[in-house]
Amino acid sequence: MPGGRRRATQPDIPETPTWGNIIGQGRTFFQRAIWIMIFPGVFLSLTVLSINLVGDGLRDALDPKLRRRE
């Protein structure tokens, strides 16, 4: 709410746990527990890479302009 005030009826909603949030919050534990940042970072990178590879495969399979060149 504006001004930092909250109504008593509003529940305290926790932040959604995403890989980016986990990596960001893991910075405070970096010296003692580096795996808190490493594993979500690796999974995030692998997910982005796999989505890009699937997109490239779909483009190669479905793009009619690429079929004419062969």
C-alpha atoms as a PDB file:
ATOM      1  CA  MET A   1       0.000   0.000   0.000  1.00  0.00           C
ATOM      2  CA  PRO A   2       1.147   3.579  -0.493  1.00  0.00           C
ATOM      3  CA  GLY A   3       3.152   5.052   2.320  1.00  0.00           C
ATOM      4  CA  GLY A   4       4.158   1.666   3.671  1.00  0.00           C
ATOM      5  CA  ARG A   5       0.867   1.160   5.535  1.00  0.00           C
ATOM      6  CA  ARG A   6      -1.057  -2.111   5.392  1.00  0.00           C
ATOM      7  CA  ARG A   7      -4.516  -3.002   6.501  1.00  0.00           C
ATOM      8  CA  ALA A   8      -4.843  -5.594   9.217  1.00  0.00           C
ATOM      9  CA  THR A   9      -7.046  -7.722   6.965  1.00  0.00           C
ATOM     10  CA  GLN A  10      -4.430  -8.202   4.254  1.00  0.00           C
ATOM     11  CA  PRO A  11      -2.480 -11.432   4.722  1.00  0.00           C
ATOM     12  CA  ASP A  12       1.286 -11.529   4.400  1.00  0.00           C
ATOM     13  CA  ILE A  13       1.767 -13.061   0.936  1.00  0.00           C
ATOM     14  CA  PRO A  14       5.145 -14.775   0.446  1.00  0.00           C
ATOM     15  CA  GLU A  15       7.176 -14.162  -2.683  1.00  0.00           C
ATOM     16  CA  THR A  16       6.781 -16.698  -5.490  1.00  0.00           C
ATOM     17  CA  PRO A  17       9.793 -19.060  -5.485  1.00  0.00           C
ATOM     18  CA  THR A  18      11.391 -18.790  -8.922  1.00  0.00           C
ATOM     19  CA  TRP A  19      14.911 -19.698  -9.964  1.00  0.00           C
ATOM     20  CA  GLY A  20      15.773 -16.023 -10.291  1.00  0.00           C
ATOM     21  CA  ASN A  21      14.531 -15.274  -6.779  1.00  0.00           C
ATOM     22  CA  ILE A  22      16.425 -18.257  -5.376  1.00  0.00           C
ATOM     23  CA  ILE A  23      19.641 -17.079  -7.053  1.00  0.00           C
ATOM     24  CA  GLY A  24      19.094 -13.516  -5.808  1.00  0.00           C
ATOM     25  CA  GLN A  25      18.421 -14.566  -2.234  1.00  0.00           C
ATOM     26  CA  GLY A  26      21.346 -17.001  -2.324  1.00  0.00           C
ATOM     27  CA  ARG A  27      23.827 -14.128  -2.615  1.00  0.00           C
ATOM     28  CA  THR A  28      23.757 -13.707   1.158  1.00  0.00           C
ATOM     29  CA  PHE A  29      24.901 -17.337   1.607  1.00  0.00           C
ATOM     30  CA  PHE A  30      27.461 -17.304  -1.212  1.00  0.00           C
ATOM     31  CA  GLN A  31      30.535 -17.740   0.996  1.00  0.00           C
ATOM     32  CA  ARG A  32      29.136 -20.662   3.000  1.00  0.00           C
ATOM     33  CA  ALA A  33      26.783 -22.469   0.609  1.00  0.00           C
ATOM     34  CA  ILE A  34      27.594 -21.735  -3.019  1.00  0.00           C
ATOM     35  CA  TRP A  35      25.296 -24.541  -4.245  1.00  0.00           C
ATOM     36  CA  ILE A  36      22.282 -22.392  -3.331  1.00  0.00           C
ATOM     37  CA  MET A  37      23.175 -20.253  -6.349  1.00  0.00           C
ATOM     38  CA  ILE A  38      24.886 -22.848  -8.549  1.00  0.00           C
ATOM     39  CA  PHE A  39      22.068 -25.408  -8.943  1.00  0.00           C
ATOM     40  CA  PRO A  40      19.266 -22.946  -9.811  1.00  0.00           C
ATOM     41  CA  GLY A  41      21.655 -21.166 -12.199  1.00  0.00           C
ATOM     42  CA  VAL A  42      22.547 -24.413 -13.966  1.00  0.00           C
ATOM     43  CA  PHE A  43      18.887 -25.461 -14.208  1.00  0.00           C
ATOM     44  CA  LEU A  44      17.907 -22.037 -15.528  1.00  0.00           C
ATOM     45  CA  SER A  45      20.659 -22.146 -18.165  1.00  0.00           C
ATOM     46  CA  LEU A  46      19.739 -25.682 -19.243  1.00  0.00           C
ATOM     47  CA  THR A  47      16.066 -24.745 -19.496  1.00  0.00           C
ATOM     48  CA  VAL A  48      16.784 -21.717 -21.683  1.00  0.00           C
ATOM     49  CA  LEU A  49      19.157 -23.744 -23.873  1.00  0.00           C
ATOM     50  CA  SER A  50      16.641 -26.560 -24.330  1.00  0.00           C
ATOM     51  CA  ILE A  51      13.830 -24.153 -25.224  1.00  0.00           C
ATOM     52  CA  ASN A  52      16.109 -22.508 -27.806  1.00  0.00           C
ATOM     53  CA  LEU A  53      17.036 -25.883 -29.303  1.00  0.00           C
ATOM     54  CA  VAL A  54      13.375 -26.941 -29.512  1.00  0.00           C
ATOM     55  CA  GLY A  55      12.540 -23.625 -31.189  1.00  0.00           C
ATOM     56  CA  ASP A  56      15.350 -24.065 -33.715  1.00  0.00           C
ATOM     57  CA  GLY A  57      14.192 -27.603 -34.460  1.00  0.00           C
ATOM     58  CA  LEU A  58      10.615 -26.472 -34.985  1.00  0.00           C
ATOM     59  CA  ARG A  59      11.761 -23.658 -37.267  1.00  0.00           C
ATOM     60  CA  ASP A  60      13.881 -26.045 -39.308  1.00  0.00           C
ATOM     61  CA  ALA A  61      10.999 -28.532 -39.594  1.00  0.00           C
ATOM     62  CA  LEU A  62       8.204 -26.070 -40.366  1.00  0.00           C
ATOM     63  CA  ASP A  63       9.798 -23.191 -42.301  1.00  0.00           C
ATOM     64  CA  PRO A  64       8.903 -23.551 -46.006  1.00  0.00           C
ATOM     65  CA  LYS A  65      11.734 -21.209 -47.087  1.00  0.00           C
ATOM     66  CA  LEU A  66      14.364 -23.560 -45.669  1.00  0.00           C
ATOM     67  CA  ARG A  67      12.889 -26.541 -47.554  1.00  0.00           C
ATOM     68  CA  ARG A  68      13.344 -24.841 -50.949  1.00  0.00           C
ATOM     69  CA  ARG A  69      17.100 -24.459 -50.467  1.00  0.00           C
ATOM     70  CA  GLU A  70      17.696 -28.184 -50.087  1.00  0.00           C
END
